[in-house]
């Protein structure tokens, strides 16, 4: 009997708690979207250097390309670009058919090619690097600007987006005579970055090839839900 009575009492208490919970009104809240944008000058650049030569023999083609690559590597190293910052992206020796001589006849020739990629933080001296590589016998393409820490700009953009969301929430809540309180939920969904126009920093040698890094625009979007308080 005592056990049965305890079970009945527990059921009554649970039912009462459920009714009390059902009677508690939900916490008023507001959800807003915030957008953030920052502009930063790139602090890193990548570029490609290619060398090619066609010769009657494989050995001759390979030897000339190797010598040019060695000169290019020395030129880069002398300007602080070497080690892991330079790598071979592509290398090939292929047979080609060309018309040469008099009378012109199809003859077999050998083409040797090598492509390097280089990374540098000397964004303000890229023109000098390009000129040095060209003088050493390489063809240069690029640059591709970026950041040594790719998340730095994204973090700043997210902070700007959160601040924008707070401002929007405060403005909307004020129309209701309320204020945003505790954060109930945050959804961070960065939109990525894109190239934007702007002035590059650093002094450029007057006789060097002009290369302007400009600025990058990094954007972020957040969705924040706030509790509303009087």
C-alpha atoms as a PDB file:
ATOM      1  CA  UNK A   1       0.000   0.000   0.000  1.00  0.00           C
ATOM      2  CA  UNK A   2       2.796   2.401   0.894  1.00  0.00           C
ATOM      3  CA  UNK A   3       4.534   1.714  -2.432  1.00  0.00           C
ATOM      4  CA  UNK A   4       1.350   2.263  -4.370  1.00  0.00           C
ATOM      5  CA  UNK A   5       0.787   5.537  -2.546  1.00  0.00           C
ATOM      6  CA  UNK A   6       4.298   6.717  -3.377  1.00  0.00           C
ATOM      7  CA  UNK A   7       3.789   5.920  -7.051  1.00  0.00           C
ATOM      8  CA  UNK A   8       0.526   7.886  -7.108  1.00  0.00           C
ATOM      9  CA  UNK A   9       2.214  10.838  -5.380  1.00  0.00           C
ATOM     10  CA  UNK A  10       5.094  10.809  -7.886  1.00  0.00           C
ATOM     11  CA  UNK A  11       2.660  10.781 -10.786  1.00  0.00           C
ATOM     12  CA  UNK A  12       0.779  13.742  -9.330  1.00  0.00           C
ATOM     13  CA  UNK A  13       4.006  15.712  -8.838  1.00  0.00           C
ATOM     14  CA  UNK A  14       5.181  15.003 -12.405  1.00  0.00           C
ATOM     15  CA  UNK A  15       1.845  16.068 -13.828  1.00  0.00           C
ATOM     16  CA  UNK A  16       1.959  19.260 -11.807  1.00  0.00           C
ATOM     17  CA  UNK A  17       5.479  20.045 -12.975  1.00  0.00           C
ATOM     18  CA  UNK A  18       4.469  19.468 -16.599  1.00  0.00           C
ATOM     19  CA  UNK A  19       1.502  21.836 -16.224  1.00  0.00           C
ATOM     20  CA  UNK A  20       3.707  24.472 -14.588  1.00  0.00           C
ATOM     21  CA  UNK A  21       6.263  24.184 -17.396  1.00  0.00           C
ATOM     22  CA  UNK A  22       3.541  24.500 -20.005  1.00  0.00           C
ATOM     23  CA  UNK A  23       2.307  27.683 -18.343  1.00  0.00           C
ATOM     24  CA  UNK A  24       5.786  29.377 -18.492  1.00  0.00           C
ATOM     25  CA  UNK A  25       5.755  31.680 -21.549  1.00  0.00           C
ATOM     26  CA  UNK A  26       8.625  31.231 -24.025  1.00  0.00           C
ATOM     27  CA  UNK A  27      11.528  33.674 -23.773  1.00  0.00           C
ATOM     28  CA  UNK A  28      11.022  36.472 -26.311  1.00  0.00           C
ATOM     29  CA  UNK A  29      13.883  36.605 -28.775  1.00  0.00           C
ATOM     30  CA  UNK A  30      15.048  38.266 -31.966  1.00  0.00           C
ATOM     31  CA  UNK A  31      17.237  36.891 -34.777  1.00  0.00           C
ATOM     32  CA  UNK A  32      19.295  39.224 -36.936  1.00  0.00           C
ATOM     33  CA  UNK A  33      21.861  38.873 -39.706  1.00  0.00           C
ATOM     34  CA  UNK A  34      25.106  40.828 -39.498  1.00  0.00           C
ATOM     35  CA  UNK A  35      27.607  41.522 -42.266  1.00  0.00           C
ATOM     36  CA  UNK A  36      31.273  42.366 -41.841  1.00  0.00           C
ATOM     37  CA  UNK A  37      33.896  43.601 -44.302  1.00  0.00           C
ATOM     38  CA  UNK A  38      37.582  44.375 -43.827  1.00  0.00           C
ATOM     39  CA  UNK A  39      40.213  45.504 -46.324  1.00  0.00           C
ATOM     40  CA  UNK A  40      43.769  44.262 -45.928  1.00  0.00           C
ATOM     41  CA  UNK A  41      46.901  44.595 -48.030  1.00  0.00           C
ATOM     42  CA  UNK A  42      48.261  41.149 -48.999  1.00  0.00           C
ATOM     43  CA  UNK A  43      51.471  40.136 -47.256  1.00  0.00           C
ATOM     44  CA  UNK A  44      52.395  37.215 -49.524  1.00  0.00           C
ATOM     45  CA  UNK A  45      52.669  36.555 -53.250  1.00  0.00           C
ATOM     46  CA  UNK A  46      53.196  33.495 -55.435  1.00  0.00           C
ATOM     47  CA  UNK A  47      54.428  33.485 -58.997  1.00  0.00           C
ATOM     48  CA  UNK A  48      55.536  31.002 -61.646  1.00  0.00           C
ATOM     49  CA  UNK A  49      58.802  30.877 -63.575  1.00  0.00           C
ATOM     50  CA  UNK A  50      59.079  28.809 -66.737  1.00  0.00           C
ATOM     51  CA  UNK A  51      62.053  27.900 -68.913  1.00  0.00           C
ATOM     52  CA  UNK A  52      61.981  26.064 -72.238  1.00  0.00           C
ATOM     53  CA  UNK A  53      64.431  25.320 -75.013  1.00  0.00           C
ATOM     54  CA  UNK A  54      64.364  23.258 -78.214  1.00  0.00           C
ATOM     55  CA  UNK A  55      67.552  21.556 -79.447  1.00  0.00           C
ATOM     56  CA  UNK A  56      68.569  18.851 -81.958  1.00  0.00           C
ATOM     57  CA  UNK A  57      69.496  16.561 -79.034  1.00  0.00           C
ATOM     58  CA  UNK A  58      67.919  15.663 -75.720  1.00  0.00           C
ATOM     59  CA  UNK A  59      71.178  16.353 -73.922  1.00  0.00           C
ATOM     60  CA  UNK A  60      71.542  19.801 -75.433  1.00  0.00           C
ATOM     61  CA  UNK A  61      67.956  20.811 -74.615  1.00  0.00           C
ATOM     62  CA  UNK A  62      68.209  19.510 -71.062  1.00  0.00           C
ATOM     63  CA  UNK A  63      71.623  21.126 -70.454  1.00  0.00           C
ATOM     64  CA  UNK A  64      70.523  24.610 -71.515  1.00  0.00           C
ATOM     65  CA  UNK A  65      67.327  24.494 -69.439  1.00  0.00           C
ATOM     66  CA  UNK A  66      69.241  23.208 -66.414  1.00  0.00           C
ATOM     67  CA  UNK A  67      71.740  26.069 -66.638  1.00  0.00           C
ATOM     68  CA  UNK A  68      68.980  28.646 -66.879  1.00  0.00           C
ATOM     69  CA  UNK A  69      67.136  27.161 -63.923  1.00  0.00           C
ATOM     70  CA  UNK A  70      70.349  27.243 -61.893  1.00  0.00           C
ATOM     71  CA  UNK A  71      70.828  30.939 -62.733  1.00  0.00           C
ATOM     72  CA  UNK A  72      67.234  31.656 -61.771  1.00  0.00           C
ATOM     73  CA  UNK A  73      67.596  29.854 -58.448  1.00  0.00           C
ATOM     74  CA  UNK A  74      70.747  31.840 -57.670  1.00  0.00           C
ATOM     75  CA  UNK A  75      69.002  35.094 -58.569  1.00  0.00           C
ATOM     76  CA  UNK A  76      66.056  34.247 -56.297  1.00  0.00           C
ATOM     77  CA  UNK A  77      68.270  33.102 -53.428  1.00  0.00           C
ATOM     78  CA  UNK A  78      70.293  36.314 -53.639  1.00  0.00           C
ATOM     79  CA  UNK A  79      67.051  38.184 -52.987  1.00  0.00           C
ATOM     80  CA  UNK A  80      65.919  36.050 -50.077  1.00  0.00           C
ATOM     81  CA  UNK A  81      63.668  33.592 -51.945  1.00  0.00           C
ATOM     82  CA  UNK A  82      64.871  30.008 -51.643  1.00  0.00           C
ATOM     83  CA  UNK A  83      64.564  26.731 -49.784  1.00  0.00           C
ATOM     84  CA  UNK A  84      60.980  25.564 -49.292  1.00  0.00           C
ATOM     85  CA  UNK A  85      59.696  28.785 -50.873  1.00  0.00           C
ATOM     86  CA  UNK A  86      60.654  27.448 -54.345  1.00  0.00           C
ATOM     87  CA  UNK A  87      59.521  24.179 -55.843  1.00  0.00           C
ATOM     88  CA  UNK A  88      59.408  22.455 -59.224  1.00  0.00           C
ATOM     89  CA  UNK A  89      55.862  22.427 -60.541  1.00  0.00           C
ATOM     90  CA  UNK A  90      56.474  20.796 -63.920  1.00  0.00           C
ATOM     91  CA  UNK A  91      59.347  19.288 -65.914  1.00  0.00           C
ATOM     92  CA  UNK A  92      59.343  17.526 -69.272  1.00  0.00           C
ATOM     93  CA  UNK A  93      61.455  16.567 -72.266  1.00  0.00           C
ATOM     94  CA  UNK A  94      59.398  15.943 -75.410  1.00  0.00           C
ATOM     95  CA  UNK A  95      60.085  15.108 -79.041  1.00  0.00           C
ATOM     96  CA  UNK A  96      58.738  17.604 -81.582  1.00  0.00           C
ATOM     97  CA  UNK A  97      58.701  17.795 -85.362  1.00  0.00           C
ATOM     98  CA  UNK A  98      59.687  21.120 -86.914  1.00  0.00           C
ATOM     99  CA  UNK A  99      60.445  22.352 -90.417  1.00  0.00           C
ATOM    100  CA  UNK A 100      63.979  23.697 -90.707  1.00  0.00           C
ATOM    101  CA  UNK A 101      66.770  24.122 -93.231  1.00  0.00           C
ATOM    102  CA  UNK A 102      66.762  24.866 -96.931  1.00  0.00           C
ATOM    103  CA  UNK A 103      64.814  23.285 -98.417  1.00  0.00           C
ATOM    104  CA  UNK A 104      62.579  23.167 -95.374  1.00  0.00           C
ATOM    105  CA  UNK A 105      62.085  19.634 -94.146  1.00  0.00           C
ATOM    106  CA  UNK A 106      60.456  18.038 -91.158  1.00  0.00           C
ATOM    107  CA  UNK A 107      63.103  17.251 -88.600  1.00  0.00           C
ATOM    108  CA  UNK A 108      63.025  15.818 -85.096  1.00  0.00           C
ATOM    109  CA  UNK A 109      63.909  18.175 -82.261  1.00  0.00           C
ATOM    110  CA  UNK A 110      63.765  17.885 -78.465  1.00  0.00           C
ATOM    111  CA  UNK A 111      62.095  20.385 -76.195  1.00  0.00           C
ATOM    112  CA  UNK A 112      63.008  20.609 -72.523  1.00  0.00           C
ATOM    113  CA  UNK A 113      60.718  22.521 -70.161  1.00  0.00           C
ATOM    114  CA  UNK A 114      60.749  23.338 -66.470  1.00  0.00           C
ATOM    115  CA  UNK A 115      58.317  25.380 -64.379  1.00  0.00           C
ATOM    116  CA  UNK A 116      59.000  26.625 -60.861  1.00  0.00           C
ATOM    117  CA  UNK A 117      56.653  28.266 -58.380  1.00  0.00           C
ATOM    118  CA  UNK A 118      57.967  30.686 -55.793  1.00  0.00           C
ATOM    119  CA  UNK A 119      56.469  32.203 -52.654  1.00  0.00           C
ATOM    120  CA  UNK A 120      57.633  35.425 -51.046  1.00  0.00           C
ATOM    121  CA  UNK A 121      56.645  37.913 -48.382  1.00  0.00           C
ATOM    122  CA  UNK A 122      58.473  40.702 -50.226  1.00  0.00           C
ATOM    123  CA  UNK A 123      55.292  41.984 -51.807  1.00  0.00           C
ATOM    124  CA  UNK A 124      56.720  45.467 -52.228  1.00  0.00           C
ATOM    125  CA  UNK A 125      59.764  44.142 -54.140  1.00  0.00           C
ATOM    126  CA  UNK A 126      58.056  41.866 -56.638  1.00  0.00           C
ATOM    127  CA  UNK A 127      59.064  44.048 -59.560  1.00  0.00           C
ATOM    128  CA  UNK A 128      62.728  43.583 -58.702  1.00  0.00           C
ATOM    129  CA  UNK A 129      62.258  39.818 -58.337  1.00  0.00           C
ATOM    130  CA  UNK A 130      60.512  39.570 -61.706  1.00  0.00           C
ATOM    131  CA  UNK A 131      63.219  41.597 -63.436  1.00  0.00           C
ATOM    132  CA  UNK A 132      65.983  39.471 -61.880  1.00  0.00           C
ATOM    133  CA  UNK A 133      64.299  36.235 -62.972  1.00  0.00           C
ATOM    134  CA  UNK A 134      63.780  37.543 -66.501  1.00  0.00           C
ATOM    135  CA  UNK A 135      67.436  38.606 -66.682  1.00  0.00           C
ATOM    136  CA  UNK A 136      68.436  35.071 -65.639  1.00  0.00           C
ATOM    137  CA  UNK A 137      66.519  33.590 -68.576  1.00  0.00           C
ATOM    138  CA  UNK A 138      63.079  32.780 -67.151  1.00  0.00           C
ATOM    139  CA  UNK A 139      59.550  33.699 -68.196  1.00  0.00           C
ATOM    140  CA  UNK A 140      57.535  34.995 -65.239  1.00  0.00           C
ATOM    141  CA  UNK A 141      53.761  34.817 -64.733  1.00  0.00           C
ATOM    142  CA  UNK A 142      51.603  35.946 -61.833  1.00  0.00           C
ATOM    143  CA  UNK A 143      51.523  37.092 -59.144  1.00  0.00           C
ATOM    144  CA  UNK A 144      48.802  35.550 -57.021  1.00  0.00           C
ATOM    145  CA  UNK A 145      48.452  37.650 -53.871  1.00  0.00           C
ATOM    146  CA  UNK A 146      47.377  36.239 -50.523  1.00  0.00           C
ATOM    147  CA  UNK A 147      48.086  36.134 -46.805  1.00  0.00           C
ATOM    148  CA  UNK A 148      50.624  34.205 -44.749  1.00  0.00           C
ATOM    149  CA  UNK A 149      47.815  33.594 -42.222  1.00  0.00           C
ATOM    150  CA  UNK A 150      44.663  33.125 -44.358  1.00  0.00           C
ATOM    151  CA  UNK A 151      42.394  33.119 -41.277  1.00  0.00           C
ATOM    152  CA  UNK A 152      43.500  36.514 -39.909  1.00  0.00           C
ATOM    153  CA  UNK A 153      41.318  38.596 -42.203  1.00  0.00           C
ATOM    154  CA  UNK A 154      38.410  36.187 -41.823  1.00  0.00           C
ATOM    155  CA  UNK A 155      38.540  36.555 -38.035  1.00  0.00           C
ATOM    156  CA  UNK A 156      38.420  40.347 -38.310  1.00  0.00           C
ATOM    157  CA  UNK A 157      35.496  40.144 -40.746  1.00  0.00           C
ATOM    158  CA  UNK A 158      33.544  37.866 -38.366  1.00  0.00           C
ATOM    159  CA  UNK A 159      34.113  40.316 -35.513  1.00  0.00           C
ATOM    160  CA  UNK A 160      32.803  43.137 -37.685  1.00  0.00           C
ATOM    161  CA  UNK A 161      29.769  41.005 -38.608  1.00  0.00           C
ATOM    162  CA  UNK A 162      28.999  40.260 -34.943  1.00  0.00           C
ATOM    163  CA  UNK A 163      29.197  43.970 -34.112  1.00  0.00           C
ATOM    164  CA  UNK A 164      26.859  44.722 -37.018  1.00  0.00           C
ATOM    165  CA  UNK A 165      24.390  42.071 -35.797  1.00  0.00           C
ATOM    166  CA  UNK A 166      24.406  43.628 -32.312  1.00  0.00           C
ATOM    167  CA  UNK A 167      23.670  47.081 -33.738  1.00  0.00           C
ATOM    168  CA  UNK A 168      20.794  45.748 -35.803  1.00  0.00           C
ATOM    169  CA  UNK A 169      19.364  43.869 -32.839  1.00  0.00           C
ATOM    170  CA  UNK A 170      19.553  46.964 -30.626  1.00  0.00           C
ATOM    171  CA  UNK A 171      17.811  49.084 -33.247  1.00  0.00           C
ATOM    172  CA  UNK A 172      15.036  46.544 -33.883  1.00  0.00           C
ATOM    173  CA  UNK A 173      14.478  45.830 -30.181  1.00  0.00           C
ATOM    174  CA  UNK A 174      14.285  49.531 -29.388  1.00  0.00           C
ATOM    175  CA  UNK A 175      11.257  49.798 -31.664  1.00  0.00           C
ATOM    176  CA  UNK A 176       9.544  47.337 -29.337  1.00  0.00           C
ATOM    177  CA  UNK A 177      10.670  49.060 -26.156  1.00  0.00           C
ATOM    178  CA  UNK A 178      13.053  46.212 -25.369  1.00  0.00           C
ATOM    179  CA  UNK A 179      16.780  45.471 -25.458  1.00  0.00           C
ATOM    180  CA  UNK A 180      18.806  42.489 -26.704  1.00  0.00           C
ATOM    181  CA  UNK A 181      20.076  40.399 -23.819  1.00  0.00           C
ATOM    182  CA  UNK A 182      21.892  37.083 -23.730  1.00  0.00           C
ATOM    183  CA  UNK A 183      22.935  35.428 -26.985  1.00  0.00           C
ATOM    184  CA  UNK A 184      20.852  32.293 -27.548  1.00  0.00           C
ATOM    185  CA  UNK A 185      22.440  31.101 -30.799  1.00  0.00           C
ATOM    186  CA  UNK A 186      25.110  32.102 -33.312  1.00  0.00           C
ATOM    187  CA  UNK A 187      25.500  30.815 -36.860  1.00  0.00           C
ATOM    188  CA  UNK A 188      28.772  31.872 -38.477  1.00  0.00           C
ATOM    189  CA  UNK A 189      28.892  31.387 -42.230  1.00  0.00           C
ATOM    190  CA  UNK A 190      31.821  33.261 -43.827  1.00  0.00           C
ATOM    191  CA  UNK A 191      31.277  34.090 -47.475  1.00  0.00           C
ATOM    192  CA  UNK A 192      34.983  34.007 -48.364  1.00  0.00           C
ATOM    193  CA  UNK A 193      37.201  36.762 -49.704  1.00  0.00           C
ATOM    194  CA  UNK A 194      37.587  38.524 -52.982  1.00  0.00           C
ATOM    195  CA  UNK A 195      39.979  40.890 -54.619  1.00  0.00           C
ATOM    196  CA  UNK A 196      39.275  44.547 -54.082  1.00  0.00           C
ATOM    197  CA  UNK A 197      40.859  47.689 -55.443  1.00  0.00           C
ATOM    198  CA  UNK A 198      43.160  49.721 -53.307  1.00  0.00           C
ATOM    199  CA  UNK A 199      46.602  51.224 -52.968  1.00  0.00           C
ATOM    200  CA  UNK A 200      49.540  48.936 -52.335  1.00  0.00           C
ATOM    201  CA  UNK A 201      52.107  49.659 -49.690  1.00  0.00           C
ATOM    202  CA  UNK A 202      55.872  49.758 -49.807  1.00  0.00           C
ATOM    203  CA  UNK A 203      58.372  51.706 -51.834  1.00  0.00           C
ATOM    204  CA  UNK A 204      58.969  50.511 -55.384  1.00  0.00           C
ATOM    205  CA  UNK A 205      62.289  51.043 -57.135  1.00  0.00           C
ATOM    206  CA  UNK A 206      61.806  53.572 -59.897  1.00  0.00           C
ATOM    207  CA  UNK A 207      63.491  51.350 -62.491  1.00  0.00           C
ATOM    208  CA  UNK A 208      61.725  48.123 -61.471  1.00  0.00           C
ATOM    209  CA  UNK A 209      58.659  46.637 -63.127  1.00  0.00           C
ATOM    210  CA  UNK A 210      55.678  48.202 -61.279  1.00  0.00           C
ATOM    211  CA  UNK A 211      53.501  45.627 -59.508  1.00  0.00           C
ATOM    212  CA  UNK A 212      50.742  46.863 -57.200  1.00  0.00           C
ATOM    213  CA  UNK A 213      49.256  44.420 -54.654  1.00  0.00           C
ATOM    214  CA  UNK A 214      46.310  46.662 -53.776  1.00  0.00           C
ATOM    215  CA  UNK A 215      43.943  45.413 -51.083  1.00  0.00           C
ATOM    216  CA  UNK A 216      41.755  42.384 -50.567  1.00  0.00           C
ATOM    217  CA  UNK A 217      38.175  42.569 -49.329  1.00  0.00           C
ATOM    218  CA  UNK A 218      37.250  39.851 -46.826  1.00  0.00           C
ATOM    219  CA  UNK A 219      33.585  39.467 -45.934  1.00  0.00           C
ATOM    220  CA  UNK A 220      31.677  37.436 -43.363  1.00  0.00           C
ATOM    221  CA  UNK A 221      28.011  36.902 -42.479  1.00  0.00           C
ATOM    222  CA  UNK A 222      26.595  35.802 -39.118  1.00  0.00           C
ATOM    223  CA  UNK A 223      23.125  34.979 -37.823  1.00  0.00           C
ATOM    224  CA  UNK A 224      22.631  35.782 -34.135  1.00  0.00           C
ATOM    225  CA  UNK A 225      19.608  35.162 -31.896  1.00  0.00           C
ATOM    226  CA  UNK A 226      19.278  37.325 -28.782  1.00  0.00           C
ATOM    227  CA  UNK A 227      16.917  37.056 -25.853  1.00  0.00           C
ATOM    228  CA  UNK A 228      14.813  40.218 -25.465  1.00  0.00           C
ATOM    229  CA  UNK A 229      14.729  41.908 -22.067  1.00  0.00           C
ATOM    230  CA  UNK A 230      12.841  44.978 -20.819  1.00  0.00           C
END
